Amino acid sequence: MKSSTSFWNSSQFVSSSPYTQKQTARTPQWKNILSRLVQSLVPNDEPRISQVTRNGKLIWKVYNPQTQQRLSFTSEAEVRSWLETRYYEN
């Protein structure tokens, strides 16, 4: 006896419609917008550290939102030392 084929095969469940594809493409955009909104509403006291090159030398710039101080360091070790001092003073 031959077995009958089911009306729904697994590929029909897996395939996605163009609507679903558009939704998934937009998801990162909405997550980014939501993330920015949350960041703007929640105060962030964490220091911001960036690296820049000046006259061929690497400089670490630090912004401390708690004190609104802007600092520059010439080595990563100096930045780490400053971070540790900041952490233990609070």
PDB file of N, CA and C in Angstrom:
ATOM      1  N   MET A   1       0.833  -1.170   0.000  1.00  0.00           N
ATOM      2  CA  MET A   1       0.000   0.000   0.000  1.00  0.00           C
ATOM      3  C   MET A   1       0.882   1.239   0.000  1.00  0.00           C
ATOM      4  N   LYS A   2       0.533   2.169  -0.828  1.00  0.00           N
ATOM      5  CA  LYS A   2       1.292   3.406  -0.913  1.00  0.00           C
ATOM      6  C   LYS A   2       0.877   4.334   0.216  1.00  0.00           C
ATOM      7  N   SER A   3       1.875   5.032   0.757  1.00  0.00           N
ATOM      8  CA  SER A   3       1.524   6.017   1.788  1.00  0.00           C
ATOM      9  C   SER A   3       1.154   7.327   1.129  1.00  0.00           C
ATOM     10  N   SER A   4       0.207   8.000   1.690  1.00  0.00           N
ATOM     11  CA  SER A   4      -0.227   9.262   1.104  1.00  0.00           C
ATOM     12  C   SER A   4       0.673  10.400   1.583  1.00  0.00           C
ATOM     13  N   THR A   5       0.835  11.378   0.743  1.00  0.00           N
ATOM     14  CA  THR A   5       1.641  12.546   1.085  1.00  0.00           C
ATOM     15  C   THR A   5       0.770  13.535   1.825  1.00  0.00           C
ATOM     16  N   SER A   6       1.331  14.109   2.863  1.00  0.00           N
ATOM     17  CA  SER A   6       0.556  15.065   3.647  1.00  0.00           C
ATOM     18  C   SER A   6       0.314  16.336   2.832  1.00  0.00           C
ATOM     19  N   PHE A   7      -0.793  17.004   3.114  1.00  0.00           N
ATOM     20  CA  PHE A   7      -1.159  18.213   2.406  1.00  0.00           C
ATOM     21  C   PHE A   7      -0.147  19.330   2.666  1.00  0.00           C
ATOM     22  N   TRP A   8       0.329  19.468   3.892  1.00  0.00           N
ATOM     23  CA  TRP A   8       1.325  20.478   4.251  1.00  0.00           C
ATOM     24  C   TRP A   8       2.683  19.810   4.369  1.00  0.00           C
ATOM     25  N   ASN A   9       3.644  20.292   3.638  1.00  0.00           N
ATOM     26  CA  ASN A   9       4.985  19.750   3.825  1.00  0.00           C
ATOM     27  C   ASN A   9       5.808  20.749   4.641  1.00  0.00           C
ATOM     28  N   SER A  10       6.936  20.327   5.120  1.00  0.00           N
ATOM     29  CA  SER A  10       7.720  21.147   6.045  1.00  0.00           C
ATOM     30  C   SER A  10       8.214  22.440   5.404  1.00  0.00           C
ATOM     31  N   SER A  11       8.439  22.464   4.106  1.00  0.00           N
ATOM     32  CA  SER A  11       8.944  23.685   3.471  1.00  0.00           C
ATOM     33  C   SER A  11       7.927  24.817   3.537  1.00  0.00           C
ATOM     34  N   GLN A  12       6.644  24.488   3.610  1.00  0.00           N
ATOM     35  CA  GLN A  12       5.642  25.530   3.702  1.00  0.00           C
ATOM     36  C   GLN A  12       5.690  26.214   5.061  1.00  0.00           C
ATOM     37  N   PHE A  13       6.100  25.515   6.084  1.00  0.00           N
ATOM     38  CA  PHE A  13       6.199  26.112   7.407  1.00  0.00           C
ATOM     39  C   PHE A  13       7.456  26.966   7.546  1.00  0.00           C
ATOM     40  N   VAL A  14       8.507  26.589   6.836  1.00  0.00           N
ATOM     41  CA  VAL A  14       9.788  27.269   6.957  1.00  0.00           C
ATOM     42  C   VAL A  14       9.846  28.521   6.095  1.00  0.00           C
ATOM     43  N   SER A  15       9.210  28.465   4.936  1.00  0.00           N
ATOM     44  CA  SER A  15       9.305  29.607   4.039  1.00  0.00           C
ATOM     45  C   SER A  15       8.671  30.838   4.677  1.00  0.00           C
ATOM     46  N   SER A  16       9.229  31.973   4.348  1.00  0.00           N
ATOM     47  CA  SER A  16       8.702  33.210   4.916  1.00  0.00           C
ATOM     48  C   SER A  16       8.118  34.081   3.824  1.00  0.00           C
ATOM     49  N   SER A  17       7.161  34.849   4.206  1.00  0.00           N
ATOM     50  CA  SER A  17       6.511  35.732   3.254  1.00  0.00           C
ATOM     51  C   SER A  17       7.328  37.005   3.100  1.00  0.00           C
ATOM     52  N   PRO A  18       7.095  37.785   2.048  1.00  0.00           N
ATOM     53  CA  PRO A  18       7.788  39.071   1.896  1.00  0.00           C
ATOM     54  C   PRO A  18       7.529  39.996   3.082  1.00  0.00           C
ATOM     55  N   TYR A  19       6.338  39.921   3.683  1.00  0.00           N
ATOM     56  CA  TYR A  19       6.023  40.753   4.847  1.00  0.00           C
ATOM     57  C   TYR A  19       6.959  40.419   6.009  1.00  0.00           C
ATOM     58  N   THR A  20       7.158  39.124   6.250  1.00  0.00           N
ATOM     59  CA  THR A  20       8.046  38.693   7.338  1.00  0.00           C
ATOM     60  C   THR A  20       9.468  39.137   7.061  1.00  0.00           C
ATOM     61  N   GLN A  21       9.901  39.048   5.822  1.00  0.00           N
ATOM     62  CA  GLN A  21      11.264  39.465   5.476  1.00  0.00           C
ATOM     63  C   GLN A  21      11.449  40.959   5.709  1.00  0.00           C
ATOM     64  N   LYS A  22      10.446  41.773   5.384  1.00  0.00           N
ATOM     65  CA  LYS A  22      10.536  43.212   5.627  1.00  0.00           C
ATOM     66  C   LYS A  22      10.590  43.501   7.118  1.00  0.00           C
ATOM     67  N   GLN A  23       9.810  42.774   7.899  1.00  0.00           N
ATOM     68  CA  GLN A  23       9.794  42.970   9.344  1.00  0.00           C
ATOM     69  C   GLN A  23      11.168  42.677   9.937  1.00  0.00           C
ATOM     70  N   THR A  24      11.784  41.567   9.522  1.00  0.00           N
ATOM     71  CA  THR A  24      13.089  41.220  10.077  1.00  0.00           C
ATOM     72  C   THR A  24      14.154  42.198   9.619  1.00  0.00           C
ATOM     73  N   ALA A  25      14.031  42.776   8.445  1.00  0.00           N
ATOM     74  CA  ALA A  25      15.002  43.764   7.978  1.00  0.00           C
ATOM     75  C   ALA A  25      14.887  45.047   8.783  1.00  0.00           C
ATOM     76  N   ARG A  26      13.706  45.390   9.248  1.00  0.00           N
ATOM     77  CA  ARG A  26      13.493  46.614  10.009  1.00  0.00           C
ATOM     78  C   ARG A  26      13.826  46.456  11.488  1.00  0.00           C
ATOM     79  N   THR A  27      13.879  45.234  11.978  1.00  0.00           N
ATOM     80  CA  THR A  27      14.107  44.992  13.398  1.00  0.00           C
ATOM     81  C   THR A  27      15.370  45.664  13.923  1.00  0.00           C
ATOM     82  N   PRO A  28      16.531  45.557  13.266  1.00  0.00           N
ATOM     83  CA  PRO A  28      17.721  46.244  13.794  1.00  0.00           C
ATOM     84  C   PRO A  28      17.549  47.761  13.877  1.00  0.00           C
ATOM     85  N   GLN A  29      16.834  48.344  12.937  1.00  0.00           N
ATOM     86  CA  GLN A  29      16.593  49.789  12.974  1.00  0.00           C
ATOM     87  C   GLN A  29      15.783  50.155  14.212  1.00  0.00           C
ATOM     88  N   TRP A  30      14.748  49.396  14.501  1.00  0.00           N
ATOM     89  CA  TRP A  30      13.914  49.685  15.673  1.00  0.00           C
ATOM     90  C   TRP A  30      14.683  49.457  16.963  1.00  0.00           C
ATOM     91  N   LYS A  31      15.510  48.419  16.994  1.00  0.00           N
ATOM     92  CA  LYS A  31      16.322  48.166  18.183  1.00  0.00           C
ATOM     93  C   LYS A  31      17.296  49.323  18.417  1.00  0.00           C
ATOM     94  N   ASN A  32      17.867  49.848  17.349  1.00  0.00           N
ATOM     95  CA  ASN A  32      18.797  50.967  17.446  1.00  0.00           C
ATOM     96  C   ASN A  32      18.088  52.216  17.966  1.00  0.00           C
ATOM     97  N   ILE A  33      16.915  52.488  17.447  1.00  0.00           N
ATOM     98  CA  ILE A  33      16.137  53.659  17.884  1.00  0.00           C
ATOM     99  C   ILE A  33      15.740  53.502  19.348  1.00  0.00           C
ATOM    100  N   LEU A  34      15.266  52.331  19.712  1.00  0.00           N
ATOM    101  CA  LEU A  34      14.862  52.069  21.095  1.00  0.00           C
ATOM    102  C   LEU A  34      16.062  52.178  22.033  1.00  0.00           C
ATOM    103  N   SER A  35      17.192  51.660  21.618  1.00  0.00           N
ATOM    104  CA  SER A  35      18.405  51.731  22.435  1.00  0.00           C
ATOM    105  C   SER A  35      18.814  53.182  22.675  1.00  0.00           C
ATOM    106  N   ARG A  36      18.776  54.007  21.636  1.00  0.00           N
ATOM    107  CA  ARG A  36      19.107  55.433  21.784  1.00  0.00           C
ATOM    108  C   ARG A  36      18.143  56.136  22.732  1.00  0.00           C
ATOM    109  N   LEU A  37      16.873  55.803  22.626  1.00  0.00           N
ATOM    110  CA  LEU A  37      15.871  56.412  23.494  1.00  0.00           C
ATOM    111  C   LEU A  37      16.135  56.051  24.953  1.00  0.00           C
ATOM    112  N   VAL A  38      16.387  54.797  25.213  1.00  0.00           N
ATOM    113  CA  VAL A  38      16.668  54.354  26.584  1.00  0.00           C
ATOM    114  C   VAL A  38      17.925  55.027  27.104  1.00  0.00           C
ATOM    115  N   GLN A  39      18.968  55.104  26.290  1.00  0.00           N
ATOM    116  CA  GLN A  39      20.214  55.745  26.708  1.00  0.00           C
ATOM    117  C   GLN A  39      20.010  57.216  27.035  1.00  0.00           C
ATOM    118  N   SER A  40      19.131  57.878  26.318  1.00  0.00           N
ATOM    119  CA  SER A  40      18.902  59.302  26.582  1.00  0.00           C
ATOM    120  C   SER A  40      18.081  59.518  27.857  1.00  0.00           C
ATOM    121  N   LEU A  41      17.273  58.528  28.242  1.00  0.00           N
ATOM    122  CA  LEU A  41      16.439  58.661  29.428  1.00  0.00           C
ATOM    123  C   LEU A  41      17.121  58.193  30.709  1.00  0.00           C
ATOM    124  N   VAL A  42      18.085  57.302  30.579  1.00  0.00           N
ATOM    125  CA  VAL A  42      18.777  56.747  31.742  1.00  0.00           C
ATOM    126  C   VAL A  42      20.136  57.428  31.871  1.00  0.00           C
ATOM    127  N   PRO A  43      20.406  58.029  33.032  1.00  0.00           N
ATOM    128  CA  PRO A  43      21.700  58.689  33.187  1.00  0.00           C
ATOM    129  C   PRO A  43      22.832  57.664  33.154  1.00  0.00           C
ATOM    130  N   ASN A  44      23.913  58.028  32.498  1.00  0.00           N
ATOM    131  CA  ASN A  44      25.060  57.144  32.382  1.00  0.00           C
ATOM    132  C   ASN A  44      26.259  57.822  33.021  1.00  0.00           C
ATOM    133  N   ASP A  45      26.724  57.279  34.134  1.00  0.00           N
ATOM    134  CA  ASP A  45      27.856  57.855  34.843  1.00  0.00           C
ATOM    135  C   ASP A  45      29.178  57.203  34.484  1.00  0.00           C
ATOM    136  N   GLU A  46      29.164  56.318  33.507  1.00  0.00           N
ATOM    137  CA  GLU A  46      30.383  55.630  33.112  1.00  0.00           C
ATOM    138  C   GLU A  46      31.259  56.559  32.273  1.00  0.00           C
ATOM    139  N   PRO A  47      32.568  56.508  32.494  1.00  0.00           N
ATOM    140  CA  PRO A  47      33.460  57.337  31.683  1.00  0.00           C
ATOM    141  C   PRO A  47      33.477  56.875  30.232  1.00  0.00           C
ATOM    142  N   ARG A  48      33.708  57.808  29.341  1.00  0.00           N
ATOM    143  CA  ARG A  48      33.813  57.503  27.915  1.00  0.00           C
ATOM    144  C   ARG A  48      35.264  57.665  27.510  1.00  0.00           C
ATOM    145  N   ILE A  49      35.803  56.639  26.906  1.00  0.00           N
ATOM    146  CA  ILE A  49      37.212  56.626  26.537  1.00  0.00           C
ATOM    147  C   ILE A  49      37.323  56.444  25.033  1.00  0.00           C
ATOM    148  N   SER A  50      38.158  57.261  24.408  1.00  0.00           N
ATOM    149  CA  SER A  50      38.393  57.128  22.975  1.00  0.00           C
ATOM    150  C   SER A  50      39.877  57.292  22.687  1.00  0.00           C
ATOM    151  N   GLN A  51      40.302  56.752  21.564  1.00  0.00           N
ATOM    152  CA  GLN A  51      41.694  56.867  21.146  1.00  0.00           C
ATOM    153  C   GLN A  51      41.766  57.783  19.933  1.00  0.00           C
ATOM    154  N   VAL A  52      42.736  58.661  19.928  1.00  0.00           N
ATOM    155  CA  VAL A  52      42.983  59.530  18.779  1.00  0.00           C
ATOM    156  C   VAL A  52      44.481  59.565  18.522  1.00  0.00           C
ATOM    157  N   THR A  53      44.843  59.901  17.310  1.00  0.00           N
ATOM    158  CA  THR A  53      46.250  60.045  16.961  1.00  0.00           C
ATOM    159  C   THR A  53      46.533  61.524  16.737  1.00  0.00           C
ATOM    160  N   ARG A  54      47.507  62.040  17.476  1.00  0.00           N
ATOM    161  CA  ARG A  54      47.937  63.432  17.316  1.00  0.00           C
ATOM    162  C   ARG A  54      49.421  63.456  17.032  1.00  0.00           C
ATOM    163  N   ASN A  55      49.790  64.068  15.933  1.00  0.00           N
ATOM    164  CA  ASN A  55      51.203  64.162  15.544  1.00  0.00           C
ATOM    165  C   ASN A  55      51.869  62.795  15.547  1.00  0.00           C
ATOM    166  N   GLY A  56      51.139  61.774  15.113  1.00  0.00           N
ATOM    167  CA  GLY A  56      51.671  60.426  15.038  1.00  0.00           C
ATOM    168  C   GLY A  56      51.709  59.686  16.358  1.00  0.00           C
ATOM    169  N   LYS A  57      51.216  60.292  17.431  1.00  0.00           N
ATOM    170  CA  LYS A  57      51.216  59.643  18.746  1.00  0.00           C
ATOM    171  C   LYS A  57      49.792  59.285  19.139  1.00  0.00           C
ATOM    172  N   LEU A  58      49.659  58.130  19.760  1.00  0.00           N
ATOM    173  CA  LEU A  58      48.350  57.669  20.218  1.00  0.00           C
ATOM    174  C   LEU A  58      48.024  58.330  21.548  1.00  0.00           C
ATOM    175  N   ILE A  59      46.844  58.951  21.630  1.00  0.00           N
ATOM    176  CA  ILE A  59      46.388  59.645  22.836  1.00  0.00           C
ATOM    177  C   ILE A  59      45.048  59.040  23.251  1.00  0.00           C
ATOM    178  N   TRP A  60      44.875  58.842  24.534  1.00  0.00           N
ATOM    179  CA  TRP A  60      43.592  58.381  25.075  1.00  0.00           C
ATOM    180  C   TRP A  60      42.872  59.586  25.663  1.00  0.00           C
ATOM    181  N   LYS A  61      41.659  59.825  25.171  1.00  0.00           N
ATOM    182  CA  LYS A  61      40.822  60.905  25.706  1.00  0.00           C
ATOM    183  C   LYS A  61      39.765  60.284  26.597  1.00  0.00           C
ATOM    184  N   VAL A  62      39.557  60.906  27.752  1.00  0.00           N
ATOM    185  CA  VAL A  62      38.591  60.394  28.718  1.00  0.00           C
ATOM    186  C   VAL A  62      37.637  61.514  29.088  1.00  0.00           C
ATOM    187  N   TYR A  63      36.347  61.194  29.102  1.00  0.00           N
ATOM    188  CA  TYR A  63      35.345  62.142  29.582  1.00  0.00           C
ATOM    189  C   TYR A  63      34.663  61.520  30.785  1.00  0.00           C
ATOM    190  N   ASN A  64      34.650  62.242  31.892  1.00  0.00           N
ATOM    191  CA  ASN A  64      34.017  61.776  33.122  1.00  0.00           C
ATOM    192  C   ASN A  64      32.698  62.541  33.301  1.00  0.00           C
ATOM    193  N   PRO A  65      31.546  61.902  33.049  1.00  0.00           N
ATOM    194  CA  PRO A  65      30.260  62.588  33.156  1.00  0.00           C
ATOM    195  C   PRO A  65      29.915  63.020  34.575  1.00  0.00           C
ATOM    196  N   GLN A  66      30.465  62.350  35.582  1.00  0.00           N
ATOM    197  CA  GLN A  66      30.173  62.722  36.966  1.00  0.00           C
ATOM    198  C   GLN A  66      30.728  64.103  37.296  1.00  0.00           C
ATOM    199  N   THR A  67      31.939  64.377  36.830  1.00  0.00           N
ATOM    200  CA  THR A  67      32.584  65.662  37.135  1.00  0.00           C
ATOM    201  C   THR A  67      32.627  66.586  35.928  1.00  0.00           C
ATOM    202  N   GLN A  68      32.207  66.082  34.768  1.00  0.00           N
ATOM    203  CA  GLN A  68      32.263  66.785  33.487  1.00  0.00           C
ATOM    204  C   GLN A  68      33.698  67.184  33.132  1.00  0.00           C
ATOM    205  N   GLN A  69      34.643  66.369  33.558  1.00  0.00           N
ATOM    206  CA  GLN A  69      36.057  66.575  33.279  1.00  0.00           C
ATOM    207  C   GLN A  69      36.435  65.890  31.981  1.00  0.00           C
ATOM    208  N   ARG A  70      37.329  66.514  31.234  1.00  0.00           N
ATOM    209  CA  ARG A  70      37.918  65.896  30.036  1.00  0.00           C
ATOM    210  C   ARG A  70      39.409  65.790  30.285  1.00  0.00           C
ATOM    211  N   LEU A  71      39.922  64.577  30.140  1.00  0.00           N
ATOM    212  CA  LEU A  71      41.330  64.312  30.408  1.00  0.00           C
ATOM    213  C   LEU A  71      41.973  63.647  29.209  1.00  0.00           C
ATOM    214  N   SER A  72      43.295  63.794  29.089  1.00  0.00           N
ATOM    215  CA  SER A  72      44.055  63.119  28.048  1.00  0.00           C
ATOM    216  C   SER A  72      45.203  62.366  28.689  1.00  0.00           C
ATOM    217  N   PHE A  73      45.473  61.163  28.177  1.00  0.00           N
ATOM    218  CA  PHE A  73      46.563  60.337  28.682  1.00  0.00           C
ATOM    219  C   PHE A  73      47.395  59.851  27.511  1.00  0.00           C
ATOM    220  N   THR A  74      48.671  59.597  27.785  1.00  0.00           N
ATOM    221  CA  THR A  74      49.564  59.156  26.715  1.00  0.00           C
ATOM    222  C   THR A  74      49.788  57.651  26.709  1.00  0.00           C
ATOM    223  N   SER A  75      49.275  56.952  27.714  1.00  0.00           N
ATOM    224  CA  SER A  75      49.432  55.485  27.724  1.00  0.00           C
ATOM    225  C   SER A  75      48.178  54.820  28.287  1.00  0.00           C
ATOM    226  N   GLU A  76      48.007  53.586  27.892  1.00  0.00           N
ATOM    227  CA  GLU A  76      46.878  52.806  28.384  1.00  0.00           C
ATOM    228  C   GLU A  76      47.019  52.564  29.886  1.00  0.00           C
ATOM    229  N   ALA A  77      48.244  52.416  30.359  1.00  0.00           N
ATOM    230  CA  ALA A  77      48.483  52.198  31.793  1.00  0.00           C
ATOM    231  C   ALA A  77      47.993  53.391  32.608  1.00  0.00           C
ATOM    232  N   GLU A  78      48.187  54.606  32.099  1.00  0.00           N
ATOM    233  CA  GLU A  78      47.698  55.802  32.804  1.00  0.00           C
ATOM    234  C   GLU A  78      46.176  55.797  32.888  1.00  0.00           C
ATOM    235  N   VAL A  79      45.532  55.401  31.806  1.00  0.00           N
ATOM    236  CA  VAL A  79      44.068  55.342  31.784  1.00  0.00           C
ATOM    237  C   VAL A  79      43.581  54.311  32.798  1.00  0.00           C
ATOM    238  N   ARG A  80      44.209  53.136  32.822  1.00  0.00           N
ATOM    239  CA  ARG A  80      43.823  52.093  33.780  1.00  0.00           C
ATOM    240  C   ARG A  80      44.008  52.571  35.212  1.00  0.00           C
ATOM    241  N   SER A  81      45.102  53.249  35.467  1.00  0.00           N
ATOM    242  CA  SER A  81      45.364  53.774  36.807  1.00  0.00           C
ATOM    243  C   SER A  81      44.291  54.789  37.201  1.00  0.00           C
ATOM    244  N   TRP A  82      43.948  55.678  36.276  1.00  0.00           N
ATOM    245  CA  TRP A  82      42.911  56.673  36.550  1.00  0.00           C
ATOM    246  C   TRP A  82      41.566  55.994  36.825  1.00  0.00           C
ATOM    247  N   LEU A  83      41.237  54.970  36.026  1.00  0.00           N
ATOM    248  CA  LEU A  83      39.977  54.246  36.221  1.00  0.00           C
ATOM    249  C   LEU A  83      39.931  53.569  37.587  1.00  0.00           C
ATOM    250  N   GLU A  84      41.034  52.935  37.972  1.00  0.00           N
ATOM    251  CA  GLU A  84      41.069  52.279  39.280  1.00  0.00           C
ATOM    252  C   GLU A  84      40.922  53.287  40.412  1.00  0.00           C
ATOM    253  N   THR A  85      41.602  54.415  40.296  1.00  0.00           N
ATOM    254  CA  THR A  85      41.503  55.460  41.316  1.00  0.00           C
ATOM    255  C   THR A  85      40.070  55.968  41.406  1.00  0.00           C
ATOM    256  N   ARG A  86      39.463  56.212  40.255  1.00  0.00           N
ATOM    257  CA  ARG A  86      38.074  56.685  40.210  1.00  0.00           C
ATOM    258  C   ARG A  86      37.140  55.676  40.853  1.00  0.00           C
ATOM    259  N   TYR A  87      37.367  54.391  40.564  1.00  0.00           N
ATOM    260  CA  TYR A  87      36.503  53.338  41.093  1.00  0.00           C
ATOM    261  C   TYR A  87      36.596  53.259  42.619  1.00  0.00           C
ATOM    262  N   TYR A  88      37.818  53.295  43.142  1.00  0.00           N
ATOM    263  CA  TYR A  88      37.991  53.134  44.575  1.00  0.00           C
ATOM    264  C   TYR A  88      37.668  54.393  45.374  1.00  0.00           C
ATOM    265  N   GLU A  89      37.644  55.561  44.732  1.00  0.00           N
ATOM    266  CA  GLU A  89      37.274  56.795  45.431  1.00  0.00           C
ATOM    267  C   GLU A  89      35.765  56.885  45.622  1.00  0.00           C
ATOM    268  N   ASN A  90      35.010  56.248  44.768  1.00  0.00           N
ATOM    269  CA  ASN A  90      33.534  56.329  44.872  1.00  0.00           C
ATOM    270  C   ASN A  90      32.996  55.331  45.782  1.00  0.00           C
TER     271      ASN A  90
END
